[in-house]
Amino acid sequence: MLHDLPTREKRNDVVNTTKAVLTVIVAVGLACSATAQVNEQPGEVVELNSLPASVQETIKQKAAGGEVVQVKREDDSNGKWNYEVVVRTNGKESGFEVNPNGKFLKQHAEIKG
């Protein structure tokens, strides 16, 4: 019986260490997932022809003959939103933002495909 005690303690230590390591791994995974979700703004893909005329006009002007691949309404935490537009020109995609009133906000760098 005296010989079993250290072995049992060692097993318990291994089990407790394993549980602690797994707990840390799960916590880090959840934290990374939450961070990724924060960076991605919620919203929905919308049809270009369903947008106000001023927004459509700005998008068409800024697309400059390129193909409008996607328009997504991106919501922020303040209840405001913008339209994120992806345009393909000569096989390359780029993006820009337009506010709900049709004002151009900013150009994005080329999107890696």
PDB file of N, CA and C in Angstrom:
ATOM      1  N   MET A   1       0.806  -1.200   0.000  1.00  0.00           N
ATOM      2  CA  MET A   1       0.000   0.000   0.000  1.00  0.00           C
ATOM      3  C   MET A   1       0.850   1.266   0.000  1.00  0.00           C
ATOM      4  N   LEU A   2       1.962   1.266   0.704  1.00  0.00           N
ATOM      5  CA  LEU A   2       2.788   2.454   0.752  1.00  0.00           C
ATOM      6  C   LEU A   2       3.424   2.754  -0.596  1.00  0.00           C
ATOM      7  N   HIS A   3       3.668   1.692  -1.375  1.00  0.00           N
ATOM      8  CA  HIS A   3       4.245   1.913  -2.703  1.00  0.00           C
ATOM      9  C   HIS A   3       3.216   2.509  -3.660  1.00  0.00           C
ATOM     10  N   ASP A   4       1.921   2.230  -3.462  1.00  0.00           N
ATOM     11  CA  ASP A   4       0.870   2.739  -4.347  1.00  0.00           C
ATOM     12  C   ASP A   4       0.628   4.238  -4.174  1.00  0.00           C
ATOM     13  N   LEU A   5       0.898   4.748  -3.004  1.00  0.00           N
ATOM     14  CA  LEU A   5       0.585   6.145  -2.706  1.00  0.00           C
ATOM     15  C   LEU A   5       1.331   7.122  -3.627  1.00  0.00           C
ATOM     16  N   PRO A   6       2.632   7.018  -3.793  1.00  0.00           N
ATOM     17  CA  PRO A   6       3.301   7.959  -4.704  1.00  0.00           C
ATOM     18  C   PRO A   6       2.820   7.813  -6.144  1.00  0.00           C
ATOM     19  N   THR A   7       2.543   6.583  -6.591  1.00  0.00           N
ATOM     20  CA  THR A   7       2.071   6.359  -7.953  1.00  0.00           C
ATOM     21  C   THR A   7       0.703   6.983  -8.145  1.00  0.00           C
ATOM     22  N   ARG A   8      -0.167   6.824  -7.195  1.00  0.00           N
ATOM     23  CA  ARG A   8      -1.502   7.412  -7.263  1.00  0.00           C
ATOM     24  C   ARG A   8      -1.412   8.939  -7.281  1.00  0.00           C
ATOM     25  N   GLU A   9      -0.535   9.494  -6.454  1.00  0.00           N
ATOM     26  CA  GLU A   9      -0.351  10.946  -6.429  1.00  0.00           C
ATOM     27  C   GLU A   9       0.178  11.449  -7.764  1.00  0.00           C
ATOM     28  N   LYS A  10       1.123  10.691  -8.347  1.00  0.00           N
ATOM     29  CA  LYS A  10       1.669  11.085  -9.637  1.00  0.00           C
ATOM     30  C   LYS A  10       0.586  11.052 -10.703  1.00  0.00           C
ATOM     31  N   ARG A  11      -0.252  10.013 -10.691  1.00  0.00           N
ATOM     32  CA  ARG A  11      -1.353   9.926 -11.658  1.00  0.00           C
ATOM     33  C   ARG A  11      -2.305  11.097 -11.489  1.00  0.00           C
ATOM     34  N   ASN A  12      -2.627  11.411 -10.245  1.00  0.00           N
ATOM     35  CA  ASN A  12      -3.529  12.541  -9.989  1.00  0.00           C
ATOM     36  C   ASN A  12      -2.907  13.851 -10.469  1.00  0.00           C
ATOM     37  N   ASP A  13      -1.591  13.998 -10.262  1.00  0.00           N
ATOM     38  CA  ASP A  13      -0.908  15.197 -10.745  1.00  0.00           C
ATOM     39  C   ASP A  13      -0.967  15.289 -12.267  1.00  0.00           C
ATOM     40  N   VAL A  14      -0.748  14.162 -12.927  1.00  0.00           N
ATOM     41  CA  VAL A  14      -0.798  14.134 -14.393  1.00  0.00           C
ATOM     42  C   VAL A  14      -2.198  14.477 -14.875  1.00  0.00           C
ATOM     43  N   VAL A  15      -3.205  13.895 -14.271  1.00  0.00           N
ATOM     44  CA  VAL A  15      -4.593  14.173 -14.646  1.00  0.00           C
ATOM     45  C   VAL A  15      -4.921  15.649 -14.413  1.00  0.00           C
ATOM     46  N   ASN A  16      -4.533  16.178 -13.270  1.00  0.00           N
ATOM     47  CA  ASN A  16      -4.821  17.586 -12.973  1.00  0.00           C
ATOM     48  C   ASN A  16      -4.080  18.522 -13.927  1.00  0.00           C
ATOM     49  N   THR A  17      -2.829  18.187 -14.241  1.00  0.00           N
ATOM     50  CA  THR A  17      -2.061  18.989 -15.188  1.00  0.00           C
ATOM     51  C   THR A  17      -2.701  18.949 -16.568  1.00  0.00           C
ATOM     52  N   THR A  18      -3.127  17.764 -16.995  1.00  0.00           N
ATOM     53  CA  THR A  18      -3.780  17.608 -18.290  1.00  0.00           C
ATOM     54  C   THR A  18      -5.066  18.434 -18.343  1.00  0.00           C
ATOM     55  N   LYS A  19      -5.847  18.385 -17.290  1.00  0.00           N
ATOM     56  CA  LYS A  19      -7.087  19.176 -17.240  1.00  0.00           C
ATOM     57  C   LYS A  19      -6.780  20.671 -17.328  1.00  0.00           C
ATOM     58  N   ALA A  20      -5.744  21.108 -16.616  1.00  0.00           N
ATOM     59  CA  ALA A  20      -5.389  22.527 -16.626  1.00  0.00           C
ATOM     60  C   ALA A  20      -4.937  22.963 -18.024  1.00  0.00           C
ATOM     61  N   VAL A  21      -4.129  22.135 -18.674  1.00  0.00           N
ATOM     62  CA  VAL A  21      -3.647  22.460 -20.020  1.00  0.00           C
ATOM     63  C   VAL A  21      -4.815  22.526 -21.002  1.00  0.00           C
ATOM     64  N   LEU A  22      -5.714  21.568 -20.935  1.00  0.00           N
ATOM     65  CA  LEU A  22      -6.878  21.559 -21.826  1.00  0.00           C
ATOM     66  C   LEU A  22      -7.768  22.780 -21.591  1.00  0.00           C
ATOM     67  N   THR A  23      -7.925  23.157 -20.329  1.00  0.00           N
ATOM     68  CA  THR A  23      -8.727  24.339 -20.004  1.00  0.00           C
ATOM     69  C   THR A  23      -8.114  25.588 -20.630  1.00  0.00           C
ATOM     70  N   VAL A  24      -6.801  25.716 -20.546  1.00  0.00           N
ATOM     71  CA  VAL A  24      -6.115  26.866 -21.143  1.00  0.00           C
ATOM     72  C   VAL A  24      -6.279  26.858 -22.663  1.00  0.00           C
ATOM     73  N   ILE A  25      -6.127  25.694 -23.274  1.00  0.00           N
ATOM     74  CA  ILE A  25      -6.260  25.592 -24.732  1.00  0.00           C
ATOM     75  C   ILE A  25      -7.664  26.006 -25.175  1.00  0.00           C
ATOM     76  N   VAL A  26      -8.686  25.528 -24.488  1.00  0.00           N
ATOM     77  CA  VAL A  26     -10.064  25.884 -24.832  1.00  0.00           C
ATOM     78  C   VAL A  26     -10.292  27.385 -24.641  1.00  0.00           C
ATOM     79  N   ALA A  27      -9.773  27.937 -23.544  1.00  0.00           N
ATOM     80  CA  ALA A  27      -9.949  29.367 -23.283  1.00  0.00           C
ATOM     81  C   ALA A  27      -9.283  30.213 -24.362  1.00  0.00           C
ATOM     82  N   VAL A  28      -8.082  29.833 -24.781  1.00  0.00           N
ATOM     83  CA  VAL A  28      -7.382  30.571 -25.839  1.00  0.00           C
ATOM     84  C   VAL A  28      -8.159  30.469 -27.148  1.00  0.00           C
ATOM     85  N   GLY A  29      -8.677  29.284 -27.450  1.00  0.00           N
ATOM     86  CA  GLY A  29      -9.466  29.104 -28.668  1.00  0.00           C
ATOM     87  C   GLY A  29     -10.707  29.980 -28.678  1.00  0.00           C
ATOM     88  N   LEU A  30     -11.387  30.035 -27.558  1.00  0.00           N
ATOM     89  CA  LEU A  30     -12.588  30.877 -27.463  1.00  0.00           C
ATOM     90  C   LEU A  30     -12.230  32.358 -27.587  1.00  0.00           C
ATOM     91  N   ALA A  31     -11.133  32.756 -26.977  1.00  0.00           N
ATOM     92  CA  ALA A  31     -10.711  34.160 -27.066  1.00  0.00           C
ATOM     93  C   ALA A  31     -10.363  34.528 -28.499  1.00  0.00           C
ATOM     94  N   CYS A  32      -9.673  33.647 -29.200  1.00  0.00           N
ATOM     95  CA  CYS A  32      -9.323  33.917 -30.603  1.00  0.00           C
ATOM     96  C   CYS A  32     -10.576  34.001 -31.466  1.00  0.00           C
ATOM     97  N   SER A  33     -11.530  33.141 -31.212  1.00  0.00           N
ATOM     98  CA  SER A  33     -12.782  33.150 -31.964  1.00  0.00           C
ATOM     99  C   SER A  33     -13.538  34.459 -31.737  1.00  0.00           C
ATOM    100  N   ALA A  34     -13.582  34.895 -30.498  1.00  0.00           N
ATOM    101  CA  ALA A  34     -14.276  36.146 -30.178  1.00  0.00           C
ATOM    102  C   ALA A  34     -13.585  37.324 -30.845  1.00  0.00           C
ATOM    103  N   THR A  35     -12.265  37.323 -30.865  1.00  0.00           N
ATOM    104  CA  THR A  35     -11.515  38.396 -31.513  1.00  0.00           C
ATOM    105  C   THR A  35     -11.801  38.431 -33.002  1.00  0.00           C
ATOM    106  N   ALA A  36     -11.843  37.280 -33.634  1.00  0.00           N
ATOM    107  CA  ALA A  36     -12.121  37.212 -35.070  1.00  0.00           C
ATOM    108  C   ALA A  36     -13.511  37.754 -35.366  1.00  0.00           C
ATOM    109  N   GLN A  37     -14.477  37.461 -34.514  1.00  0.00           N
ATOM    110  CA  GLN A  37     -15.836  37.929 -34.743  1.00  0.00           C
ATOM    111  C   GLN A  37     -15.946  39.435 -34.557  1.00  0.00           C
ATOM    112  N   VAL A  38     -15.157  39.997 -33.651  1.00  0.00           N
ATOM    113  CA  VAL A  38     -15.195  41.439 -33.437  1.00  0.00           C
ATOM    114  C   VAL A  38     -14.724  42.166 -34.687  1.00  0.00           C
ATOM    115  N   ASN A  39     -13.697  41.626 -35.364  1.00  0.00           N
ATOM    116  CA  ASN A  39     -13.153  42.267 -36.548  1.00  0.00           C
ATOM    117  C   ASN A  39     -14.086  42.197 -37.749  1.00  0.00           C
ATOM    118  N   GLU A  40     -14.928  41.240 -37.794  1.00  0.00           N
ATOM    119  CA  GLU A  40     -15.864  41.114 -38.906  1.00  0.00           C
ATOM    120  C   GLU A  40     -17.152  41.817 -38.535  1.00  0.00           C
ATOM    121  N   GLN A  41     -17.497  42.820 -39.312  1.00  0.00           N
ATOM    122  CA  GLN A  41     -18.696  43.581 -39.004  1.00  0.00           C
ATOM    123  C   GLN A  41     -19.936  42.823 -39.455  1.00  0.00           C
ATOM    124  N   PRO A  42     -20.971  42.850 -38.613  1.00  0.00           N
ATOM    125  CA  PRO A  42     -22.214  42.194 -39.027  1.00  0.00           C
ATOM    126  C   PRO A  42     -22.894  42.979 -40.139  1.00  0.00           C
ATOM    127  N   GLY A  43     -23.695  42.318 -40.886  1.00  0.00           N
ATOM    128  CA  GLY A  43     -24.412  42.976 -41.966  1.00  0.00           C
ATOM    129  C   GLY A  43     -25.006  41.942 -42.893  1.00  0.00           C
ATOM    130  N   GLU A  44     -25.449  42.398 -44.052  1.00  0.00           N
ATOM    131  CA  GLU A  44     -26.051  41.473 -45.007  1.00  0.00           C
ATOM    132  C   GLU A  44     -25.758  41.932 -46.426  1.00  0.00           C
ATOM    133  N   VAL A  45     -25.672  40.958 -47.316  1.00  0.00           N
ATOM    134  CA  VAL A  45     -25.483  41.260 -48.729  1.00  0.00           C
ATOM    135  C   VAL A  45     -26.796  41.804 -49.266  1.00  0.00           C
ATOM    136  N   VAL A  46     -26.700  42.869 -50.053  1.00  0.00           N
ATOM    137  CA  VAL A  46     -27.904  43.502 -50.611  1.00  0.00           C
ATOM    138  C   VAL A  46     -27.754  43.613 -52.125  1.00  0.00           C
ATOM    139  N   GLU A  47     -28.875  43.740 -52.793  1.00  0.00           N
ATOM    140  CA  GLU A  47     -28.887  43.917 -54.250  1.00  0.00           C
ATOM    141  C   GLU A  47     -28.673  45.391 -54.563  1.00  0.00           C
ATOM    142  N   LEU A  48     -27.822  45.654 -55.537  1.00  0.00           N
ATOM    143  CA  LEU A  48     -27.520  47.024 -55.928  1.00  0.00           C
ATOM    144  C   LEU A  48     -28.795  47.799 -56.280  1.00  0.00           C
ATOM    145  N   ASN A  49     -29.694  47.169 -57.026  1.00  0.00           N
ATOM    146  CA  ASN A  49     -30.909  47.878 -57.466  1.00  0.00           C
ATOM    147  C   ASN A  49     -31.913  48.123 -56.343  1.00  0.00           C
ATOM    148  N   SER A  50     -31.660  47.586 -55.140  1.00  0.00           N
ATOM    149  CA  SER A  50     -32.562  47.831 -54.010  1.00  0.00           C
ATOM    150  C   SER A  50     -32.123  49.043 -53.179  1.00  0.00           C
ATOM    151  N   LEU A  51     -30.976  49.627 -53.535  1.00  0.00           N
ATOM    152  CA  LEU A  51     -30.426  50.746 -52.768  1.00  0.00           C
ATOM    153  C   LEU A  51     -30.978  52.073 -53.270  1.00  0.00           C
ATOM    154  N   PRO A  52     -30.907  53.110 -52.421  1.00  0.00           N
ATOM    155  CA  PRO A  52     -31.349  54.440 -52.862  1.00  0.00           C
ATOM    156  C   PRO A  52     -30.581  54.879 -54.111  1.00  0.00           C
ATOM    157  N   ALA A  53     -31.211  55.700 -54.938  1.00  0.00           N
ATOM    158  CA  ALA A  53     -30.614  56.138 -56.202  1.00  0.00           C
ATOM    159  C   ALA A  53     -29.259  56.809 -55.994  1.00  0.00           C
ATOM    160  N   SER A  54     -29.112  57.612 -54.945  1.00  0.00           N
ATOM    161  CA  SER A  54     -27.842  58.308 -54.710  1.00  0.00           C
ATOM    162  C   SER A  54     -26.712  57.313 -54.410  1.00  0.00           C
ATOM    163  N   VAL A  55     -27.029  56.234 -53.705  1.00  0.00           N
ATOM    164  CA  VAL A  55     -26.033  55.205 -53.397  1.00  0.00           C
ATOM    165  C   VAL A  55     -25.657  54.453 -54.676  1.00  0.00           C
ATOM    166  N   GLN A  56     -26.668  54.087 -55.460  1.00  0.00           N
ATOM    167  CA  GLN A  56     -26.409  53.392 -56.729  1.00  0.00           C
ATOM    168  C   GLN A  56     -25.526  54.233 -57.652  1.00  0.00           C
ATOM    169  N   GLU A  57     -25.825  55.519 -57.731  1.00  0.00           N
ATOM    170  CA  GLU A  57     -25.067  56.417 -58.607  1.00  0.00           C
ATOM    171  C   GLU A  57     -23.595  56.485 -58.185  1.00  0.00           C
ATOM    172  N   THR A  58     -23.349  56.644 -56.894  1.00  0.00           N
ATOM    173  CA  THR A  58     -21.971  56.699 -56.390  1.00  0.00           C
ATOM    174  C   THR A  58     -21.235  55.390 -56.664  1.00  0.00           C
ATOM    175  N   ILE A  59     -21.908  54.277 -56.431  1.00  0.00           N
ATOM    176  CA  ILE A  59     -21.289  52.971 -56.671  1.00  0.00           C
ATOM    177  C   ILE A  59     -20.921  52.819 -58.142  1.00  0.00           C
ATOM    178  N   LYS A  60     -21.839  53.172 -59.019  1.00  0.00           N
ATOM    179  CA  LYS A  60     -21.569  53.041 -60.463  1.00  0.00           C
ATOM    180  C   LYS A  60     -20.430  53.954 -60.900  1.00  0.00           C
ATOM    181  N   GLN A  61     -20.372  55.175 -60.362  1.00  0.00           N
ATOM    182  CA  GLN A  61     -19.286  56.099 -60.695  1.00  0.00           C
ATOM    183  C   GLN A  61     -17.937  55.562 -60.211  1.00  0.00           C
ATOM    184  N   LYS A  62     -17.894  55.085 -58.973  1.00  0.00           N
ATOM    185  CA  LYS A  62     -16.638  54.605 -58.393  1.00  0.00           C
ATOM    186  C   LYS A  62     -16.215  53.261 -58.979  1.00  0.00           C
ATOM    187  N   ALA A  63     -17.172  52.479 -59.451  1.00  0.00           N
ATOM    188  CA  ALA A  63     -16.838  51.193 -60.081  1.00  0.00           C
ATOM    189  C   ALA A  63     -16.169  51.417 -61.423  1.00  0.00           C
ATOM    190  N   ALA A  64     -16.420  52.558 -62.037  1.00  0.00           N
ATOM    191  CA  ALA A  64     -15.782  52.980 -63.292  1.00  0.00           C
ATOM    192  C   ALA A  64     -15.740  51.881 -64.345  1.00  0.00           C
ATOM    193  N   GLY A  65     -16.873  51.264 -64.603  1.00  0.00           N
ATOM    194  CA  GLY A  65     -16.953  50.245 -65.647  1.00  0.00           C
ATOM    195  C   GLY A  65     -16.608  48.844 -65.181  1.00  0.00           C
ATOM    196  N   GLY A  66     -16.134  48.713 -63.959  1.00  0.00           N
ATOM    197  CA  GLY A  66     -15.847  47.384 -63.422  1.00  0.00           C
ATOM    198  C   GLY A  66     -17.136  46.672 -63.031  1.00  0.00           C
ATOM    199  N   GLU A  67     -17.041  45.392 -62.768  1.00  0.00           N
ATOM    200  CA  GLU A  67     -18.208  44.591 -62.369  1.00  0.00           C
ATOM    201  C   GLU A  67     -18.399  44.679 -60.859  1.00  0.00           C
ATOM    202  N   VAL A  68     -19.584  45.105 -60.434  1.00  0.00           N
ATOM    203  CA  VAL A  68     -19.896  45.130 -59.010  1.00  0.00           C
ATOM    204  C   VAL A  68     -20.167  43.686 -58.592  1.00  0.00           C
ATOM    205  N   VAL A  69     -19.243  43.132 -57.820  1.00  0.00           N
ATOM    206  CA  VAL A  69     -19.315  41.730 -57.409  1.00  0.00           C
ATOM    207  C   VAL A  69     -20.255  41.555 -56.219  1.00  0.00           C
ATOM    208  N   GLN A  70     -20.174  42.490 -55.271  1.00  0.00           N
ATOM    209  CA  GLN A  70     -20.992  42.365 -54.059  1.00  0.00           C
ATOM    210  C   GLN A  70     -21.169  43.718 -53.397  1.00  0.00           C
ATOM    211  N   VAL A  71     -22.354  43.917 -52.823  1.00  0.00           N
ATOM    212  CA  VAL A  71     -22.613  45.074 -51.976  1.00  0.00           C
ATOM    213  C   VAL A  71     -23.122  44.514 -50.658  1.00  0.00           C
ATOM    214  N   LYS A  72     -22.459  44.895 -49.587  1.00  0.00           N
ATOM    215  CA  LYS A  72     -22.841  44.401 -48.262  1.00  0.00           C
ATOM    216  C   LYS A  72     -23.107  45.590 -47.359  1.00  0.00           C
ATOM    217  N   ARG A  73     -24.240  45.541 -46.689  1.00  0.00           N
ATOM    218  CA  ARG A  73     -24.530  46.565 -45.686  1.00  0.00           C
ATOM    219  C   ARG A  73     -23.824  46.133 -44.413  1.00  0.00           C
ATOM    220  N   GLU A  74     -22.879  46.959 -43.939  1.00  0.00           N
ATOM    221  CA  GLU A  74     -22.131  46.644 -42.728  1.00  0.00           C
ATOM    222  C   GLU A  74     -22.641  47.502 -41.584  1.00  0.00           C
ATOM    223  N   ASP A  75     -23.081  46.847 -40.524  1.00  0.00           N
ATOM    224  CA  ASP A  75     -23.619  47.535 -39.354  1.00  0.00           C
ATOM    225  C   ASP A  75     -22.521  47.735 -38.314  1.00  0.00           C
ATOM    226  N   ASP A  76     -22.519  48.895 -37.664  1.00  0.00           N
ATOM    227  CA  ASP A  76     -21.578  49.084 -36.562  1.00  0.00           C
ATOM    228  C   ASP A  76     -22.329  49.033 -35.240  1.00  0.00           C
ATOM    229  N   SER A  77     -21.598  49.110 -34.151  1.00  0.00           N
ATOM    230  CA  SER A  77     -22.199  48.958 -32.829  1.00  0.00           C
ATOM    231  C   SER A  77     -23.068  50.146 -32.429  1.00  0.00           C
ATOM    232  N   ASN A  78     -22.990  51.256 -33.161  1.00  0.00           N
ATOM    233  CA  ASN A  78     -23.795  52.450 -32.853  1.00  0.00           C
ATOM    234  C   ASN A  78     -25.126  52.473 -33.588  1.00  0.00           C
ATOM    235  N   GLY A  79     -25.430  51.409 -34.331  1.00  0.00           N
ATOM    236  CA  GLY A  79     -26.675  51.357 -35.070  1.00  0.00           C
ATOM    237  C   GLY A  79     -26.592  52.035 -36.432  1.00  0.00           C
ATOM    238  N   LYS A  80     -25.402  52.465 -36.825  1.00  0.00           N
ATOM    239  CA  LYS A  80     -25.208  53.084 -38.138  1.00  0.00           C
ATOM    240  C   LYS A  80     -24.671  52.022 -39.092  1.00  0.00           C
ATOM    241  N   TRP A  81     -24.729  52.310 -40.377  1.00  0.00           N
ATOM    242  CA  TRP A  81     -24.196  51.357 -41.343  1.00  0.00           C
ATOM    243  C   TRP A  81     -23.645  52.086 -42.558  1.00  0.00           C
ATOM    244  N   ASN A  82     -22.807  51.359 -43.285  1.00  0.00           N
ATOM    245  CA  ASN A  82     -22.277  51.799 -44.576  1.00  0.00           C
ATOM    246  C   ASN A  82     -22.421  50.648 -45.548  1.00  0.00           C
ATOM    247  N   TYR A  83     -22.230  50.938 -46.800  1.00  0.00           N
ATOM    248  CA  TYR A  83     -22.240  49.892 -47.815  1.00  0.00           C
ATOM    249  C   TYR A  83     -20.802  49.606 -48.233  1.00  0.00           C
ATOM    250  N   GLU A  84     -20.398  48.364 -48.077  1.00  0.00           N
ATOM    251  CA  GLU A  84     -19.079  47.891 -48.496  1.00  0.00           C
ATOM    252  C   GLU A  84     -19.258  47.296 -49.888  1.00  0.00           C
ATOM    253  N   VAL A  85     -18.546  47.829 -50.881  1.00  0.00           N
ATOM    254  CA  VAL A  85     -18.716  47.433 -52.274  1.00  0.00           C
ATOM    255  C   VAL A  85     -17.436  46.741 -52.761  1.00  0.00           C
ATOM    256  N   VAL A  86     -17.597  45.610 -53.411  1.00  0.00           N
ATOM    257  CA  VAL A  86     -16.468  44.903 -54.022  1.00  0.00           C
ATOM    258  C   VAL A  86     -16.655  44.970 -55.530  1.00  0.00           C
ATOM    259  N   VAL A  87     -15.605  45.434 -56.227  1.00  0.00           N
ATOM    260  CA  VAL A  87     -15.641  45.612 -57.677  1.00  0.00           C
ATOM    261  C   VAL A  87     -14.498  44.812 -58.299  1.00  0.00           C
ATOM    262  N   ARG A  88     -14.792  44.141 -59.421  1.00  0.00           N
ATOM    263  CA  ARG A  88     -13.754  43.410 -60.166  1.00  0.00           C
ATOM    264  C   ARG A  88     -13.479  44.160 -61.468  1.00  0.00           C
ATOM    265  N   THR A  89     -12.214  44.538 -61.648  1.00  0.00           N
ATOM    266  CA  THR A  89     -11.777  45.227 -62.855  1.00  0.00           C
ATOM    267  C   THR A  89     -10.515  44.539 -63.368  1.00  0.00           C
ATOM    268  N   ASN A  90     -10.571  44.084 -64.623  1.00  0.00           N
ATOM    269  CA  ASN A  90      -9.425  43.382 -65.221  1.00  0.00           C
ATOM    270  C   ASN A  90      -8.948  42.214 -64.358  1.00  0.00           C
ATOM    271  N   GLY A  91      -9.885  41.482 -63.774  1.00  0.00           N
ATOM    272  CA  GLY A  91      -9.553  40.295 -62.984  1.00  0.00           C
ATOM    273  C   GLY A  91      -9.101  40.569 -61.564  1.00  0.00           C
ATOM    274  N   LYS A  92      -9.009  41.831 -61.172  1.00  0.00           N
ATOM    275  CA  LYS A  92      -8.582  42.177 -59.820  1.00  0.00           C
ATOM    276  C   LYS A  92      -9.745  42.789 -59.065  1.00  0.00           C
ATOM    277  N   GLU A  93      -9.853  42.426 -57.779  1.00  0.00           N
ATOM    278  CA  GLU A  93     -10.938  42.953 -56.958  1.00  0.00           C
ATOM    279  C   GLU A  93     -10.421  44.026 -56.015  1.00  0.00           C
ATOM    280  N   SER A  94     -11.239  45.049 -55.849  1.00  0.00           N
ATOM    281  CA  SER A  94     -10.955  46.113 -54.888  1.00  0.00           C
ATOM    282  C   SER A  94     -12.268  46.474 -54.218  1.00  0.00           C
ATOM    283  N   GLY A  95     -12.173  47.282 -53.191  1.00  0.00           N
ATOM    284  CA  GLY A  95     -13.389  47.633 -52.471  1.00  0.00           C
ATOM    285  C   GLY A  95     -13.404  49.087 -52.064  1.00  0.00           C
ATOM    286  N   PHE A  96     -14.594  49.559 -51.741  1.00  0.00           N
ATOM    287  CA  PHE A  96     -14.752  50.908 -51.215  1.00  0.00           C
ATOM    288  C   PHE A  96     -16.032  50.961 -50.400  1.00  0.00           C
ATOM    289  N   GLU A  97     -16.187  52.048 -49.653  1.00  0.00           N
ATOM    290  CA  GLU A  97     -17.364  52.224 -48.795  1.00  0.00           C
ATOM    291  C   GLU A  97     -18.141  53.468 -49.193  1.00  0.00           C
ATOM    292  N   VAL A  98     -19.453  53.350 -49.090  1.00  0.00           N
ATOM    293  CA  VAL A  98     -20.377  54.442 -49.390  1.00  0.00           C
ATOM    294  C   VAL A  98     -21.351  54.523 -48.222  1.00  0.00           C
ATOM    295  N   ASN A  99     -21.681  55.737 -47.791  1.00  0.00           N
ATOM    296  CA  ASN A  99     -22.649  55.847 -46.690  1.00  0.00           C
ATOM    297  C   ASN A  99     -24.081  55.756 -47.223  1.00  0.00           C
ATOM    298  N   PRO A 100     -25.077  55.658 -46.354  1.00  0.00           N
ATOM    299  CA  PRO A 100     -26.473  55.500 -46.800  1.00  0.00           C
ATOM    300  C   PRO A 100     -27.024  56.667 -47.611  1.00  0.00           C
ATOM    301  N   ASN A 101     -26.327  57.811 -47.589  1.00  0.00           N
ATOM    302  CA  ASN A 101     -26.761  58.974 -48.366  1.00  0.00           C
ATOM    303  C   ASN A 101     -26.076  59.047 -49.724  1.00  0.00           C
ATOM    304  N   GLY A 102     -25.193  58.088 -50.013  1.00  0.00           N
ATOM    305  CA  GLY A 102     -24.512  58.072 -51.298  1.00  0.00           C
ATOM    306  C   GLY A 102     -23.158  58.747 -51.295  1.00  0.00           C
ATOM    307  N   LYS A 103     -22.671  59.148 -50.132  1.00  0.00           N
ATOM    308  CA  LYS A 103     -21.369  59.797 -50.065  1.00  0.00           C
ATOM    309  C   LYS A 103     -20.259  58.742 -50.049  1.00  0.00           C
ATOM    310  N   PHE A 104     -19.269  58.928 -50.944  1.00  0.00           N
ATOM    311  CA  PHE A 104     -18.109  58.042 -50.969  1.00  0.00           C
ATOM    312  C   PHE A 104     -17.303  58.278 -49.698  1.00  0.00           C
ATOM    313  N   LEU A 105     -16.929  57.177 -49.005  1.00  0.00           N
ATOM    314  CA  LEU A 105     -16.193  57.311 -47.748  1.00  0.00           C
ATOM    315  C   LEU A 105     -14.715  56.994 -47.884  1.00  0.00           C
ATOM    316  N   LYS A 106     -14.403  55.811 -48.400  1.00  0.00           N
ATOM    317  CA  LYS A 106     -12.981  55.468 -48.552  1.00  0.00           C
ATOM    318  C   LYS A 106     -12.789  54.285 -49.479  1.00  0.00           C
ATOM    319  N   GLN A 107     -11.617  54.264 -50.071  1.00  0.00           N
ATOM    320  CA  GLN A 107     -11.189  53.192 -50.960  1.00  0.00           C
ATOM    321  C   GLN A 107     -10.417  52.169 -50.142  1.00  0.00           C
ATOM    322  N   HIS A 108     -10.558  50.894 -50.458  1.00  0.00           N
ATOM    323  CA  HIS A 108      -9.788  49.842 -49.807  1.00  0.00           C
ATOM    324  C   HIS A 108      -8.714  49.356 -50.766  1.00  0.00           C
ATOM    325  N   ALA A 109      -7.682  48.793 -50.200  1.00  0.00           N
ATOM    326  CA  ALA A 109      -6.602  48.232 -51.008  1.00  0.00           C
ATOM    327  C   ALA A 109      -7.140  47.059 -51.818  1.00  0.00           C
ATOM    328  N   GLU A 110      -6.377  46.648 -52.811  1.00  0.00           N
ATOM    329  CA  GLU A 110      -6.766  45.507 -53.639  1.00  0.00           C
ATOM    330  C   GLU A 110      -7.029  44.280 -52.754  1.00  0.00           C
ATOM    331  N   ILE A 111      -8.083  43.581 -53.061  1.00  0.00           N
ATOM    332  CA  ILE A 111      -8.459  42.383 -52.294  1.00  0.00           C
ATOM    333  C   ILE A 111      -7.714  41.205 -52.870  1.00  0.00           C
ATOM    334  N   LYS A 112      -7.046  40.471 -51.992  1.00  0.00           N
ATOM    335  CA  LYS A 112      -6.317  39.278 -52.436  1.00  0.00           C
ATOM    336  C   LYS A 112      -7.317  38.178 -52.732  1.00  0.00           C
ATOM    337  N   GLY A 113      -7.207  37.548 -53.859  1.00  0.00           N
ATOM    338  CA  GLY A 113      -8.155  36.509 -54.251  1.00  0.00           C
ATOM    339  C   GLY A 113      -7.599  35.223 -54.178  1.00  0.00           C
TER     340      GLY A 113
END
